Protein backbone atom coordinates (compact mmCIF):
# COMPACT_ATOMS: atom_id res chain seq x y z
CA MET A 1 -20.36 -24.65 -18.47
CA THR A 2 -22.24 -20.96 -17.87
CA TRP A 3 -21.34 -18.22 -15.79
CA THR A 4 -24.40 -19.20 -13.52
CA ASP A 5 -22.86 -22.59 -13.29
CA ALA A 6 -19.41 -21.44 -12.32
CA ASN A 7 -20.76 -18.80 -9.73
CA GLY A 8 -22.77 -21.91 -8.27
CA PHE A 9 -19.52 -24.06 -7.90
CA LEU A 10 -17.45 -21.11 -6.76
CA SER A 11 -20.16 -20.46 -3.97
CA PHE A 12 -20.00 -23.78 -3.24
CA LEU A 13 -16.30 -24.18 -2.68
CA LEU A 14 -16.09 -20.89 -0.71
CA ASN A 15 -18.60 -22.40 1.35
CA VAL A 16 -16.92 -25.37 2.17
CA ALA A 17 -13.62 -23.66 2.57
CA GLY A 18 -15.37 -20.96 5.07
CA ASN A 19 -17.01 -23.71 6.94
CA LEU A 20 -13.59 -25.83 7.57
CA MET A 21 -11.62 -22.54 8.59
CA LEU A 22 -14.08 -21.75 11.14
CA ALA A 23 -14.18 -25.49 12.38
CA TRP A 24 -10.33 -24.99 12.54
CA LYS A 25 -11.01 -21.63 14.32
CA TRP A 26 -9.52 -19.45 11.72
CA PRO A 27 -11.01 -15.80 11.95
CA SER A 28 -10.52 -15.25 8.40
CA GLY A 29 -13.15 -18.07 7.73
CA TRP A 30 -16.02 -15.34 8.69
CA LEU A 31 -14.95 -13.34 5.63
CA VAL A 32 -14.76 -16.31 3.61
CA ARG A 33 -17.99 -17.39 4.40
CA ILE A 34 -19.21 -13.61 4.05
CA VAL A 35 -17.80 -13.74 0.45
CA ALA A 36 -19.28 -17.19 -0.39
CA ILE A 37 -22.95 -15.68 1.02
CA VAL A 38 -22.70 -12.65 -1.48
CA SER A 39 -21.81 -15.01 -4.14
CA TRP A 40 -24.54 -17.33 -3.16
CA GLY A 41 -26.94 -14.31 -3.40
CA ILE A 42 -25.84 -13.31 -7.00
CA TYR A 43 -26.29 -17.12 -7.97
CA GLY A 44 -29.94 -16.74 -6.52
CA LEU A 45 -30.29 -13.69 -8.74
CA GLN A 46 -29.16 -15.33 -11.71
CA ILE A 47 -31.62 -18.24 -11.25
CA ALA A 48 -34.27 -16.16 -9.92
CA SER A 49 -34.98 -18.20 -6.81
CA ASN A 50 -36.56 -16.14 -4.21
CA PRO A 51 -35.52 -19.01 -1.44
CA VAL A 52 -31.89 -18.94 -2.38
CA ILE A 53 -31.84 -15.00 -2.37
CA LEU A 54 -33.53 -15.07 1.15
CA ASN A 55 -31.33 -17.78 2.43
CA ALA A 56 -28.20 -15.67 1.09
CA ILE A 57 -29.56 -12.24 3.02
CA THR A 58 -30.19 -14.48 5.99
CA PHE A 59 -26.81 -16.16 6.28
CA PHE A 60 -24.94 -12.86 5.22
CA CYS A 61 -26.63 -11.04 8.60
CA ILE A 62 -25.64 -13.99 10.67
CA ASN A 63 -21.96 -14.27 9.22
CA CYS A 64 -21.61 -10.51 9.89
CA TYR A 65 -22.92 -11.02 13.30
CA GLY A 66 -20.56 -13.81 14.15
CA TRP A 67 -17.49 -12.07 12.65
CA LEU A 68 -18.05 -9.13 14.71
CA LYS A 69 -19.08 -10.88 18.20
CA TRP A 70 -15.61 -13.18 17.09
CA ARG A 71 -13.58 -9.77 17.01
CA ARG A 72 -15.08 -8.38 19.86
CA GLU A 73 -14.35 -11.57 22.05
CA ARG A 74 -10.86 -11.59 20.62
CA HIS A 75 -10.45 -7.72 21.84
CA GLU A 76 -10.10 -6.47 18.24
CA LEU A 77 -13.15 -4.27 18.44
CA PRO A 78 -14.57 -2.16 21.44
CA GLY A 79 -17.25 -4.13 23.02
């Protein structure tokens, strides 16, 4: 297995774990999803796939927004 393949599988596992954590309403799921998306972005660069890179950038922004919104709703950040 190459490093690229290993990173792809790691990205997949982090993605699944983060989504499950969010389904269970665990706030740390946002951080796991953000790490997964960064990993997907690195994978996209490794395989030179612009659609994967664009997907990673888009979902990185969405997950950062969701994490900040969640923290504001839980009064962990000023709103």
